[in-house]
Full PDB file with SEQRES, HELIX, SHEET, SSBOND, CRYST1, ORIGX, SCALE, CONECT and MASTER records, all heavy atoms in Angstrom:
SEQRES   1 A   39  VAL ALA ARG THR THR ASP THR SER TYR ASN ILE VAL LYS          
SEQRES   2 A   39  VAL GLY ASP GLU ILE ALA ARG ILE PHE GLU GLU MET GLY          
SEQRES   3 A   39  LEU ASN VAL LEU HIS ASP GLN THR LEU TYR ASP TYR PRO          
HELIX    1 AA1 ILE A   11  MET A   25  1                                  15    
CRYST1    1.000    1.000    1.000  90.00  90.00  90.00 P 1           1          
ORIGX1      1.000000  0.000000  0.000000        0.00000                         
ORIGX2      0.000000  1.000000  0.000000        0.00000                         
ORIGX3      0.000000  0.000000  1.000000        0.00000                         
SCALE1      1.000000  0.000000  0.000000        0.00000                         
SCALE2      0.000000  1.000000  0.000000        0.00000                         
SCALE3      0.000000  0.000000  1.000000        0.00000                         
ATOM      1  N   VAL A   1     -80.400  70.510  -4.359  1.00  0.00           N  
ATOM      2  CA  VAL A   1     -79.474  71.619  -4.710  1.00  0.00           C  
ATOM      3  C   VAL A   1     -78.793  71.361  -6.058  1.00  0.00           C  
ATOM      4  O   VAL A   1     -78.152  70.334  -6.191  1.00  0.00           O  
ATOM      5  CB  VAL A   1     -78.418  71.887  -3.601  1.00  0.00           C  
ATOM      6  CG1 VAL A   1     -77.430  72.937  -4.018  1.00  0.00           C  
ATOM      7  CG2 VAL A   1     -79.122  72.196  -2.306  1.00  0.00           C  
ATOM      8  N   ALA A   2     -78.997  72.249  -6.987  1.00  0.00           N  
ATOM      9  CA  ALA A   2     -78.418  72.151  -8.330  1.00  0.00           C  
ATOM     10  C   ALA A   2     -78.870  70.871  -9.009  1.00  0.00           C  
ATOM     11  O   ALA A   2     -78.117  70.210  -9.769  1.00  0.00           O  
ATOM     12  CB  ALA A   2     -76.894  72.247  -8.315  1.00  0.00           C  
ATOM     13  N   ARG A   3     -80.125  70.498  -8.759  1.00  0.00           N  
ATOM     14  CA  ARG A   3     -80.729  69.334  -9.373  1.00  0.00           C  
ATOM     15  C   ARG A   3     -82.198  69.602  -9.701  1.00  0.00           C  
ATOM     16  O   ARG A   3     -82.873  70.310  -8.978  1.00  0.00           O  
ATOM     17  CB  ARG A   3     -80.654  68.099  -8.496  1.00  0.00           C  
ATOM     18  CG  ARG A   3     -79.262  67.669  -8.143  1.00  0.00           C  
ATOM     19  CD  ARG A   3     -79.198  66.308  -7.490  1.00  0.00           C  
ATOM     20  NE  ARG A   3     -77.770  65.981  -7.166  1.00  0.00           N  
ATOM     21  CZ  ARG A   3     -76.991  65.447  -8.121  1.00  0.00           C  
ATOM     22  NH1 ARG A   3     -77.403  65.182  -9.302  1.00  0.00           N  
ATOM     23  NH2 ARG A   3     -75.724  65.254  -7.775  1.00  0.00           N  
ATOM     24  N   THR A   4     -82.656  69.040 -10.800  1.00  0.00           N  
ATOM     25  CA  THR A   4     -84.043  69.155 -11.172  1.00  0.00           C  
ATOM     26  C   THR A   4     -84.399  67.984 -12.102  1.00  0.00           C  
ATOM     27  O   THR A   4     -83.585  67.523 -12.879  1.00  0.00           O  
ATOM     28  CB  THR A   4     -84.387  70.501 -11.889  1.00  0.00           C  
ATOM     29  OG1 THR A   4     -85.757  70.527 -12.152  1.00  0.00           O  
ATOM     30  CG2 THR A   4     -83.617  70.652 -13.180  1.00  0.00           C  
ATOM     31  N   THR A   5     -85.631  67.538 -12.028  1.00  0.00           N  
ATOM     32  CA  THR A   5     -86.146  66.540 -12.940  1.00  0.00           C  
ATOM     33  C   THR A   5     -86.626  67.084 -14.231  1.00  0.00           C  
ATOM     34  O   THR A   5     -86.992  66.362 -15.096  1.00  0.00           O  
ATOM     35  CB  THR A   5     -87.264  65.693 -12.262  1.00  0.00           C  
ATOM     36  OG1 THR A   5     -88.335  66.577 -11.879  1.00  0.00           O  
ATOM     37  CG2 THR A   5     -86.735  64.977 -11.048  1.00  0.00           C  
ATOM     38  N   ASP A   6     -86.635  68.450 -14.358  1.00  0.00           N  
ATOM     39  CA  ASP A   6     -87.104  69.146 -15.556  1.00  0.00           C  
ATOM     40  C   ASP A   6     -85.991  69.062 -16.638  1.00  0.00           C  
ATOM     41  O   ASP A   6     -84.989  69.663 -16.537  1.00  0.00           O  
ATOM     42  CB  ASP A   6     -87.412  70.585 -15.218  1.00  0.00           C  
ATOM     43  CG  ASP A   6     -88.059  71.340 -16.364  1.00  0.00           C  
ATOM     44  OD1 ASP A   6     -87.919  70.866 -17.545  1.00  0.00           O  
ATOM     45  OD2 ASP A   6     -88.738  72.314 -16.097  1.00  0.00           O  
ATOM     46  N   THR A   7     -86.257  68.242 -17.673  1.00  0.00           N  
ATOM     47  CA  THR A   7     -85.224  68.015 -18.665  1.00  0.00           C  
ATOM     48  C   THR A   7     -84.971  69.178 -19.617  1.00  0.00           C  
ATOM     49  O   THR A   7     -84.103  69.156 -20.463  1.00  0.00           O  
ATOM     50  CB  THR A   7     -85.556  66.762 -19.481  1.00  0.00           C  
ATOM     51  OG1 THR A   7     -86.835  66.941 -20.089  1.00  0.00           O  
ATOM     52  CG2 THR A   7     -85.537  65.519 -18.632  1.00  0.00           C  
ATOM     53  N   SER A   8     -85.766  70.248 -19.414  1.00  0.00           N  
ATOM     54  CA  SER A   8     -85.495  71.470 -20.171  1.00  0.00           C  
ATOM     55  C   SER A   8     -84.406  72.318 -19.506  1.00  0.00           C  
ATOM     56  O   SER A   8     -83.876  73.203 -20.121  1.00  0.00           O  
ATOM     57  CB  SER A   8     -86.792  72.336 -20.270  1.00  0.00           C  
ATOM     58  OG  SER A   8     -87.761  71.706 -20.999  1.00  0.00           O  
ATOM     59  N   TYR A   9     -83.985  71.925 -18.256  1.00  0.00           N  
ATOM     60  CA  TYR A   9     -83.032  72.746 -17.546  1.00  0.00           C  
ATOM     61  C   TYR A   9     -81.926  71.883 -16.932  1.00  0.00           C  
ATOM     62  O   TYR A   9     -80.947  72.468 -16.392  1.00  0.00           O  
ATOM     63  CB  TYR A   9     -83.748  73.487 -16.394  1.00  0.00           C  
ATOM     64  CG  TYR A   9     -84.706  74.561 -16.934  1.00  0.00           C  
ATOM     65  CD1 TYR A   9     -86.076  74.293 -16.984  1.00  0.00           C  
ATOM     66  CD2 TYR A   9     -84.229  75.728 -17.489  1.00  0.00           C  
ATOM     67  CE1 TYR A   9     -86.942  75.232 -17.468  1.00  0.00           C  
ATOM     68  CE2 TYR A   9     -85.125  76.689 -18.017  1.00  0.00           C  
ATOM     69  CZ  TYR A   9     -86.489  76.408 -18.016  1.00  0.00           C  
ATOM     70  OH  TYR A   9     -87.370  77.319 -18.567  1.00  0.00           O  
ATOM     71  N   ASN A  10     -81.978  70.554 -16.944  1.00  0.00           N  
ATOM     72  CA  ASN A  10     -80.925  69.785 -16.341  1.00  0.00           C  
ATOM     73  C   ASN A  10     -79.947  69.342 -17.415  1.00  0.00           C  
ATOM     74  O   ASN A  10     -79.989  69.815 -18.582  1.00  0.00           O  
ATOM     75  CB  ASN A  10     -81.503  68.603 -15.566  1.00  0.00           C  
ATOM     76  CG  ASN A  10     -82.286  67.621 -16.397  1.00  0.00           C  
ATOM     77  OD1 ASN A  10     -82.063  67.503 -17.623  1.00  0.00           O  
ATOM     78  ND2 ASN A  10     -83.152  66.856 -15.714  1.00  0.00           N  
ATOM     79  N   ILE A  11     -79.050  68.447 -17.101  1.00  0.00           N  
ATOM     80  CA  ILE A  11     -78.000  68.071 -18.012  1.00  0.00           C  
ATOM     81  C   ILE A  11     -78.511  67.335 -19.259  1.00  0.00           C  
ATOM     82  O   ILE A  11     -77.874  67.283 -20.318  1.00  0.00           O  
ATOM     83  CB  ILE A  11     -76.996  67.161 -17.238  1.00  0.00           C  
ATOM     84  CG1 ILE A  11     -75.668  67.017 -18.034  1.00  0.00           C  
ATOM     85  CG2 ILE A  11     -77.586  65.760 -16.930  1.00  0.00           C  
ATOM     86  CD1 ILE A  11     -74.897  68.295 -18.163  1.00  0.00           C  
ATOM     87  N   VAL A  12     -79.739  66.877 -19.231  1.00  0.00           N  
ATOM     88  CA  VAL A  12     -80.327  66.261 -20.425  1.00  0.00           C  
ATOM     89  C   VAL A  12     -80.429  67.246 -21.568  1.00  0.00           C  
ATOM     90  O   VAL A  12     -80.292  66.962 -22.751  1.00  0.00           O  
ATOM     91  CB  VAL A  12     -81.738  65.703 -20.078  1.00  0.00           C  
ATOM     92  CG1 VAL A  12     -82.466  65.219 -21.361  1.00  0.00           C  
ATOM     93  CG2 VAL A  12     -81.635  64.504 -19.103  1.00  0.00           C  
ATOM     94  N   LYS A  13     -80.691  68.531 -21.236  1.00  0.00           N  
ATOM     95  CA  LYS A  13     -80.765  69.577 -22.279  1.00  0.00           C  
ATOM     96  C   LYS A  13     -79.415  69.758 -22.932  1.00  0.00           C  
ATOM     97  O   LYS A  13     -79.341  69.991 -24.139  1.00  0.00           O  
ATOM     98  CB  LYS A  13     -81.133  70.918 -21.560  1.00  0.00           C  
ATOM     99  CG  LYS A  13     -81.292  72.067 -22.493  1.00  0.00           C  
ATOM    100  CD  LYS A  13     -82.440  71.969 -23.421  1.00  0.00           C  
ATOM    101  CE  LYS A  13     -82.681  73.228 -24.243  1.00  0.00           C  
ATOM    102  NZ  LYS A  13     -83.820  73.149 -25.195  1.00  0.00           N  
ATOM    103  N   VAL A  14     -78.304  69.606 -22.141  1.00  0.00           N  
ATOM    104  CA  VAL A  14     -76.976  69.676 -22.739  1.00  0.00           C  
ATOM    105  C   VAL A  14     -76.778  68.488 -23.685  1.00  0.00           C  
ATOM    106  O   VAL A  14     -76.229  68.624 -24.744  1.00  0.00           O  
ATOM    107  CB  VAL A  14     -75.929  69.642 -21.626  1.00  0.00           C  
ATOM    108  CG1 VAL A  14     -74.531  69.522 -22.195  1.00  0.00           C  
ATOM    109  CG2 VAL A  14     -76.077  70.901 -20.753  1.00  0.00           C  
ATOM    110  N   GLY A  15     -77.227  67.301 -23.268  1.00  0.00           N  
ATOM    111  CA  GLY A  15     -77.171  66.141 -24.148  1.00  0.00           C  
ATOM    112  C   GLY A  15     -77.940  66.366 -25.472  1.00  0.00           C  
ATOM    113  O   GLY A  15     -77.496  65.857 -26.519  1.00  0.00           O  
ATOM    114  N   ASP A  16     -79.079  67.008 -25.385  1.00  0.00           N  
ATOM    115  CA  ASP A  16     -79.876  67.334 -26.584  1.00  0.00           C  
ATOM    116  C   ASP A  16     -79.005  68.100 -27.566  1.00  0.00           C  
ATOM    117  O   ASP A  16     -79.008  67.898 -28.806  1.00  0.00           O  
ATOM    118  CB  ASP A  16     -81.099  68.120 -26.238  1.00  0.00           C  
ATOM    119  CG  ASP A  16     -82.236  67.327 -25.614  1.00  0.00           C  
ATOM    120  OD1 ASP A  16     -82.224  66.118 -25.879  1.00  0.00           O  
ATOM    121  OD2 ASP A  16     -83.077  67.902 -24.941  1.00  0.00           O  
ATOM    122  N   GLU A  17     -78.266  69.087 -27.030  1.00  0.00           N  
ATOM    123  CA  GLU A  17     -77.439  69.918 -27.866  1.00  0.00           C  
ATOM    124  C   GLU A  17     -76.296  69.204 -28.560  1.00  0.00           C  
ATOM    125  O   GLU A  17     -75.967  69.363 -29.708  1.00  0.00           O  
ATOM    126  CB  GLU A  17     -76.890  71.138 -27.062  1.00  0.00           C  
ATOM    127  CG  GLU A  17     -76.310  72.248 -27.909  1.00  0.00           C  
ATOM    128  CD  GLU A  17     -77.365  73.038 -28.661  1.00  0.00           C  
ATOM    129  OE1 GLU A  17     -78.583  72.714 -28.600  1.00  0.00           O  
ATOM    130  OE2 GLU A  17     -76.995  73.999 -29.355  1.00  0.00           O  
ATOM    131  N   ILE A  18     -75.668  68.305 -27.751  1.00  0.00           N  
ATOM    132  CA  ILE A  18     -74.582  67.495 -28.353  1.00  0.00           C  
ATOM    133  C   ILE A  18     -75.126  66.525 -29.410  1.00  0.00           C  
ATOM    134  O   ILE A  18     -74.566  66.403 -30.492  1.00  0.00           O  
ATOM    135  CB  ILE A  18     -73.914  66.683 -27.254  1.00  0.00           C  
ATOM    136  CG1 ILE A  18     -73.180  67.630 -26.263  1.00  0.00           C  
ATOM    137  CG2 ILE A  18     -72.882  65.635 -27.804  1.00  0.00           C  
ATOM    138  CD1 ILE A  18     -72.648  66.935 -25.059  1.00  0.00           C  
ATOM    139  N   ALA A  19     -76.303  65.968 -29.118  1.00  0.00           N  
ATOM    140  CA  ALA A  19     -76.907  65.061 -30.141  1.00  0.00           C  
ATOM    141  C   ALA A  19     -77.295  65.806 -31.394  1.00  0.00           C  
ATOM    142  O   ALA A  19     -77.094  65.343 -32.533  1.00  0.00           O  
ATOM    143  CB  ALA A  19     -78.169  64.370 -29.581  1.00  0.00           C  
ATOM    144  N   ARG A  20     -77.772  67.055 -31.267  1.00  0.00           N  
ATOM    145  CA  ARG A  20     -78.172  67.865 -32.440  1.00  0.00           C  
ATOM    146  C   ARG A  20     -76.979  68.137 -33.326  1.00  0.00           C  
ATOM    147  O   ARG A  20     -77.039  68.011 -34.539  1.00  0.00           O  
ATOM    148  CB  ARG A  20     -78.813  69.142 -31.940  1.00  0.00           C  
ATOM    149  CG  ARG A  20     -79.292  70.046 -33.083  1.00  0.00           C  
ATOM    150  CD  ARG A  20     -79.878  71.359 -32.560  1.00  0.00           C  
ATOM    151  NE  ARG A  20     -78.878  72.214 -32.000  1.00  0.00           N  
ATOM    152  CZ  ARG A  20     -78.079  73.028 -32.683  1.00  0.00           C  
ATOM    153  NH1 ARG A  20     -78.182  73.080 -33.986  1.00  0.00           N  
ATOM    154  NH2 ARG A  20     -77.217  73.816 -32.070  1.00  0.00           N  
ATOM    155  N   ILE A  21     -75.866  68.526 -32.711  1.00  0.00           N  
ATOM    156  CA  ILE A  21     -74.656  68.832 -33.459  1.00  0.00           C  
ATOM    157  C   ILE A  21     -74.154  67.591 -34.162  1.00  0.00           C  
ATOM    158  O   ILE A  21     -73.738  67.577 -35.372  1.00  0.00           O  
ATOM    159  CB  ILE A  21     -73.577  69.474 -32.570  1.00  0.00           C  
ATOM    160  CG1 ILE A  21     -74.055  70.836 -31.954  1.00  0.00           C  
ATOM    161  CG2 ILE A  21     -72.273  69.654 -33.370  1.00  0.00           C  
ATOM    162  CD1 ILE A  21     -74.319  71.835 -33.027  1.00  0.00           C  
ATOM    163  N   PHE A  22     -74.057  66.501 -33.444  1.00  0.00           N  
ATOM    164  CA  PHE A  22     -73.583  65.248 -34.013  1.00  0.00           C  
ATOM    165  C   PHE A  22     -74.447  64.844 -35.290  1.00  0.00           C  
ATOM    166  O   PHE A  22     -73.890  64.444 -36.287  1.00  0.00           O  
ATOM    167  CB  PHE A  22     -73.681  64.095 -33.010  1.00  0.00           C  
ATOM    168  CG  PHE A  22     -72.537  64.027 -32.082  1.00  0.00           C  
ATOM    169  CD1 PHE A  22     -72.461  63.085 -31.034  1.00  0.00           C  
ATOM    170  CD2 PHE A  22     -71.390  64.853 -32.193  1.00  0.00           C  
ATOM    171  CE1 PHE A  22     -71.379  62.989 -30.179  1.00  0.00           C  
ATOM    172  CE2 PHE A  22     -70.308  64.798 -31.346  1.00  0.00           C  
ATOM    173  CZ  PHE A  22     -70.340  63.840 -30.298  1.00  0.00           C  
ATOM    174  N   GLU A  23     -75.717  64.960 -35.133  1.00  0.00           N  
ATOM    175  CA  GLU A  23     -76.600  64.610 -36.258  1.00  0.00           C  
ATOM    176  C   GLU A  23     -76.401  65.542 -37.440  1.00  0.00           C  
ATOM    177  O   GLU A  23     -76.451  65.089 -38.596  1.00  0.00           O  
ATOM    178  CB  GLU A  23     -78.088  64.623 -35.800  1.00  0.00           C  
ATOM    179  CG  GLU A  23     -78.412  63.462 -34.859  1.00  0.00           C  
ATOM    180  CD  GLU A  23     -79.706  63.629 -34.158  1.00  0.00           C  
ATOM    181  OE1 GLU A  23     -80.382  64.719 -34.261  1.00  0.00           O  
ATOM    182  OE2 GLU A  23     -80.181  62.593 -33.508  1.00  0.00           O  
ATOM    183  N   GLU A  24     -76.229  66.829 -37.155  1.00  0.00           N  
ATOM    184  CA  GLU A  24     -75.985  67.769 -38.246  1.00  0.00           C  
ATOM    185  C   GLU A  24     -74.639  67.361 -38.995  1.00  0.00           C  
ATOM    186  O   GLU A  24     -74.549  67.615 -40.188  1.00  0.00           O  
ATOM    187  CB  GLU A  24     -75.801  69.172 -37.682  1.00  0.00           C  
ATOM    188  CG  GLU A  24     -77.080  69.871 -37.291  1.00  0.00           C  
ATOM    189  CD  GLU A  24     -76.866  71.287 -36.814  1.00  0.00           C  
ATOM    190  OE1 GLU A  24     -75.696  71.727 -36.776  1.00  0.00           O  
ATOM    191  OE2 GLU A  24     -77.866  71.971 -36.478  1.00  0.00           O  
ATOM    192  N   MET A  25     -73.721  66.811 -38.286  1.00  0.00           N  
ATOM    193  CA  MET A  25     -72.442  66.415 -38.883  1.00  0.00           C  
ATOM    194  C   MET A  25     -72.470  65.066 -39.575  1.00  0.00           C  
ATOM    195  O   MET A  25     -71.522  64.678 -40.211  1.00  0.00           O  
ATOM    196  CB  MET A  25     -71.334  66.435 -37.817  1.00  0.00           C  
ATOM    197  CG  MET A  25     -71.129  67.801 -37.178  1.00  0.00           C  
ATOM    198  SD  MET A  25     -69.793  67.733 -35.889  1.00  0.00           S  
ATOM    199  CE  MET A  25     -68.339  67.576 -36.856  1.00  0.00           C  
ATOM    200  N   GLY A  26     -73.597  64.353 -39.423  1.00  0.00           N  
ATOM    201  CA  GLY A  26     -73.754  63.110 -40.140  1.00  0.00           C  
ATOM    202  C   GLY A  26     -73.613  61.841 -39.282  1.00  0.00           C  
ATOM    203  O   GLY A  26     -73.654  60.748 -39.854  1.00  0.00           O  
ATOM    204  N   LEU A  27     -73.459  61.972 -38.001  1.00  0.00           N  
ATOM    205  CA  LEU A  27     -73.424  60.823 -37.141  1.00  0.00           C  
ATOM    206  C   LEU A  27     -74.795  60.353 -36.797  1.00  0.00           C  
ATOM    207  O   LEU A  27     -75.801  61.169 -36.696  1.00  0.00           O  
ATOM    208  CB  LEU A  27     -72.694  61.193 -35.859  1.00  0.00           C  
ATOM    209  CG  LEU A  27     -71.185  61.406 -35.977  1.00  0.00           C  
ATOM    210  CD1 LEU A  27     -70.620  62.074 -34.726  1.00  0.00           C  
ATOM    211  CD2 LEU A  27     -70.421  60.111 -36.257  1.00  0.00           C  
ATOM    212  N   ASN A  28     -75.003  59.069 -36.593  1.00  0.00           N  
ATOM    213  CA  ASN A  28     -76.298  58.469 -36.251  1.00  0.00           C  
ATOM    214  C   ASN A  28     -76.286  58.321 -34.673  1.00  0.00           C  
ATOM    215  O   ASN A  28     -75.496  57.531 -34.155  1.00  0.00           O  
ATOM    216  CB  ASN A  28     -76.467  57.130 -36.892  1.00  0.00           C  
ATOM    217  CG  ASN A  28     -77.864  56.600 -36.804  1.00  0.00           C  
ATOM    218  OD1 ASN A  28     -78.601  56.899 -35.905  1.00  0.00           O  
ATOM    219  ND2 ASN A  28     -78.324  55.832 -37.820  1.00  0.00           N  
ATOM    220  N   VAL A  29     -77.177  59.060 -34.022  1.00  0.00           N  
ATOM    221  CA  VAL A  29     -77.108  59.195 -32.584  1.00  0.00           C  
ATOM    222  C   VAL A  29     -78.442  58.821 -31.940  1.00  0.00           C  
ATOM    223  O   VAL A  29     -79.546  59.137 -32.455  1.00  0.00           O  
ATOM    224  CB  VAL A  29     -76.763  60.674 -32.209  1.00  0.00           C  
ATOM    225  CG1 VAL A  29     -76.665  60.822 -30.694  1.00  0.00           C  
ATOM    226  CG2 VAL A  29     -75.496  61.111 -32.846  1.00  0.00           C  
ATOM    227  N   LEU A  30     -78.356  58.191 -30.771  1.00  0.00           N  
ATOM    228  CA  LEU A  30     -79.509  57.977 -29.888  1.00  0.00           C  
ATOM    229  C   LEU A  30     -79.232  58.745 -28.612  1.00  0.00           C  
ATOM    230  O   LEU A  30     -78.095  58.817 -28.132  1.00  0.00           O  
ATOM    231  CB  LEU A  30     -79.719  56.541 -29.533  1.00  0.00           C  
ATOM    232  CG  LEU A  30     -80.169  55.579 -30.623  1.00  0.00           C  
ATOM    233  CD1 LEU A  30     -80.235  54.171 -30.118  1.00  0.00           C  
ATOM    234  CD2 LEU A  30     -81.549  56.015 -31.126  1.00  0.00           C  
ATOM    235  N   HIS A  31     -80.279  59.400 -28.054  1.00  0.00           N  
ATOM    236  CA  HIS A  31     -80.144  60.171 -26.817  1.00  0.00           C  
ATOM    237  C   HIS A  31     -81.130  59.570 -25.785  1.00  0.00           C  
ATOM    238  O   HIS A  31     -82.304  59.721 -25.897  1.00  0.00           O  
ATOM    239  CB  HIS A  31     -80.445  61.643 -27.051  1.00  0.00           C  
ATOM    240  CG  HIS A  31     -80.220  62.437 -25.768  1.00  0.00           C  
ATOM    241  ND1 HIS A  31     -80.671  63.760 -25.632  1.00  0.00           N  
ATOM    242  CD2 HIS A  31     -79.535  62.153 -24.650  1.00  0.00           C  
ATOM    243  CE1 HIS A  31     -80.402  64.181 -24.459  1.00  0.00           C  
ATOM    244  NE2 HIS A  31     -79.630  63.296 -23.781  1.00  0.00           N  
ATOM    245  N   ASP A  32     -80.519  58.912 -24.799  1.00  0.00           N  
ATOM    246  CA  ASP A  32     -81.327  58.275 -23.730  1.00  0.00           C  
ATOM    247  C   ASP A  32     -81.542  59.403 -22.680  1.00  0.00           C  
ATOM    248  O   ASP A  32     -80.588  59.874 -22.038  1.00  0.00           O  
ATOM    249  CB  ASP A  32     -80.599  57.116 -23.156  1.00  0.00           C  
ATOM    250  CG  ASP A  32     -81.266  56.446 -22.005  1.00  0.00           C  
ATOM    251  OD1 ASP A  32     -82.446  56.833 -21.657  1.00  0.00           O  
ATOM    252  OD2 ASP A  32     -80.671  55.566 -21.330  1.00  0.00           O  
ATOM    253  N   GLN A  33     -82.774  59.761 -22.416  1.00  0.00           N  
ATOM    254  CA  GLN A  33     -83.135  60.811 -21.432  1.00  0.00           C  
ATOM    255  C   GLN A  33     -83.553  60.304 -20.100  1.00  0.00           C  
ATOM    256  O   GLN A  33     -84.133  61.033 -19.317  1.00  0.00           O  
ATOM    257  CB  GLN A  33     -84.149  61.759 -22.054  1.00  0.00           C  
ATOM    258  CG  GLN A  33     -83.697  62.401 -23.380  1.00  0.00           C  
ATOM    259  CD  GLN A  33     -84.716  63.441 -23.859  1.00  0.00           C  
ATOM    260  OE1 GLN A  33     -85.644  63.816 -23.186  1.00  0.00           O  
ATOM    261  NE2 GLN A  33     -84.512  63.846 -25.121  1.00  0.00           N  
ATOM    262  N   THR A  34     -83.381  59.087 -19.817  1.00  0.00           N  
ATOM    263  CA  THR A  34     -83.838  58.445 -18.579  1.00  0.00           C  
ATOM    264  C   THR A  34     -83.124  59.125 -17.362  1.00  0.00           C  
ATOM    265  O   THR A  34     -81.943  59.383 -17.412  1.00  0.00           O  
ATOM    266  CB  THR A  34     -83.506  56.931 -18.564  1.00  0.00           C  
ATOM    267  OG1 THR A  34     -84.068  56.303 -19.710  1.00  0.00           O  
ATOM    268  CG2 THR A  34     -84.009  56.250 -17.329  1.00  0.00           C  
ATOM    269  N   LEU A  35     -83.896  59.366 -16.308  1.00  0.00           N  
ATOM    270  CA  LEU A  35     -83.342  59.930 -15.109  1.00  0.00           C  
ATOM    271  C   LEU A  35     -82.856  58.780 -14.226  1.00  0.00           C  
ATOM    272  O   LEU A  35     -83.547  58.351 -13.251  1.00  0.00           O  
ATOM    273  CB  LEU A  35     -84.420  60.693 -14.366  1.00  0.00           C  
ATOM    274  CG  LEU A  35     -85.081  61.846 -15.179  1.00  0.00           C  
ATOM    275  CD1 LEU A  35     -86.125  62.630 -14.298  1.00  0.00           C  
ATOM    276  CD2 LEU A  35     -84.053  62.826 -15.732  1.00  0.00           C  
ATOM    277  N   TYR A  36     -81.664  58.296 -14.465  1.00  0.00           N  
ATOM    278  CA  TYR A  36     -81.146  57.142 -13.777  1.00  0.00           C  
ATOM    279  C   TYR A  36     -80.837  57.425 -12.291  1.00  0.00           C  
ATOM    280  O   TYR A  36     -80.725  56.504 -11.487  1.00  0.00           O  
ATOM    281  CB  TYR A  36     -79.899  56.630 -14.460  1.00  0.00           C  
ATOM    282  CG  TYR A  36     -80.189  55.939 -15.794  1.00  0.00           C  
ATOM    283  CD1 TYR A  36     -79.701  56.493 -17.009  1.00  0.00           C  
ATOM    284  CD2 TYR A  36     -80.894  54.754 -15.860  1.00  0.00           C  
ATOM    285  CE1 TYR A  36     -79.917  55.874 -18.171  1.00  0.00           C  
ATOM    286  CE2 TYR A  36     -81.145  54.095 -17.035  1.00  0.00           C  
ATOM    287  CZ  TYR A  36     -80.647  54.672 -18.266  1.00  0.00           C  
ATOM    288  OH  TYR A  36     -80.911  54.067 -19.393  1.00  0.00           O  
ATOM    289  N   ASP A  37     -80.688  58.673 -11.953  1.00  0.00           N  
ATOM    290  CA  ASP A  37     -80.343  59.045 -10.561  1.00  0.00           C  
ATOM    291  C   ASP A  37     -81.534  59.461  -9.742  1.00  0.00           C  
ATOM    292  O   ASP A  37     -81.352  59.981  -8.619  1.00  0.00           O  
ATOM    293  CB  ASP A  37     -79.264  60.144 -10.541  1.00  0.00           C  
ATOM    294  CG  ASP A  37     -79.767  61.444 -11.192  1.00  0.00           C  
ATOM    295  OD1 ASP A  37     -80.707  61.364 -12.020  1.00  0.00           O  
ATOM    296  OD2 ASP A  37     -79.200  62.493 -10.904  1.00  0.00           O  
ATOM    297  N   TYR A  38     -82.748  59.276 -10.256  1.00  0.00           N  
ATOM    298  CA  TYR A  38     -83.907  59.688  -9.576  1.00  0.00           C  
ATOM    299  C   TYR A  38     -84.936  58.558  -9.479  1.00  0.00           C  
ATOM    300  O   TYR A  38     -85.229  57.943 -10.485  1.00  0.00           O  
ATOM    301  CB  TYR A  38     -84.556  60.889 -10.233  1.00  0.00           C  
ATOM    302  CG  TYR A  38     -85.668  61.507  -9.471  1.00  0.00           C  
ATOM    303  CD1 TYR A  38     -85.467  62.447  -8.438  1.00  0.00           C  
ATOM    304  CD2 TYR A  38     -87.027  61.178  -9.733  1.00  0.00           C  
ATOM    305  CE1 TYR A  38     -86.501  63.011  -7.746  1.00  0.00           C  
ATOM    306  CE2 TYR A  38     -88.082  61.700  -8.979  1.00  0.00           C  
ATOM    307  CZ  TYR A  38     -87.798  62.642  -8.021  1.00  0.00           C  
ATOM    308  OH  TYR A  38     -88.810  63.178  -7.294  1.00  0.00           O  
ATOM    309  N   PRO A  39     -85.440  58.212  -8.275  1.00  0.00           N  
ATOM    310  CA  PRO A  39     -85.265  58.902  -6.982  1.00  0.00           C  
ATOM    311  C   PRO A  39     -84.025  58.559  -6.216  1.00  0.00           C  
ATOM    312  O   PRO A  39     -83.729  59.107  -5.231  1.00  0.00           O  
ATOM    313  CB  PRO A  39     -86.501  58.557  -6.272  1.00  0.00           C  
ATOM    314  CG  PRO A  39     -86.809  57.192  -6.737  1.00  0.00           C  
ATOM    315  CD  PRO A  39     -86.401  57.143  -8.217  1.00  0.00           C  
TER     316      PRO A  39                                                      
MASTER        0    0    0    1    0    0    0    6  315    1    0    3          
END                                                                             
């Protein structure tokens, strides 16, 4: 319920957006997309 391993629709997608904005602003960012809570 309210969970998916599809990173196009879970909280990883939100992380992608934060990373994109940070990089546009000049910060050097890494985004770890590992599913630490699965299984």
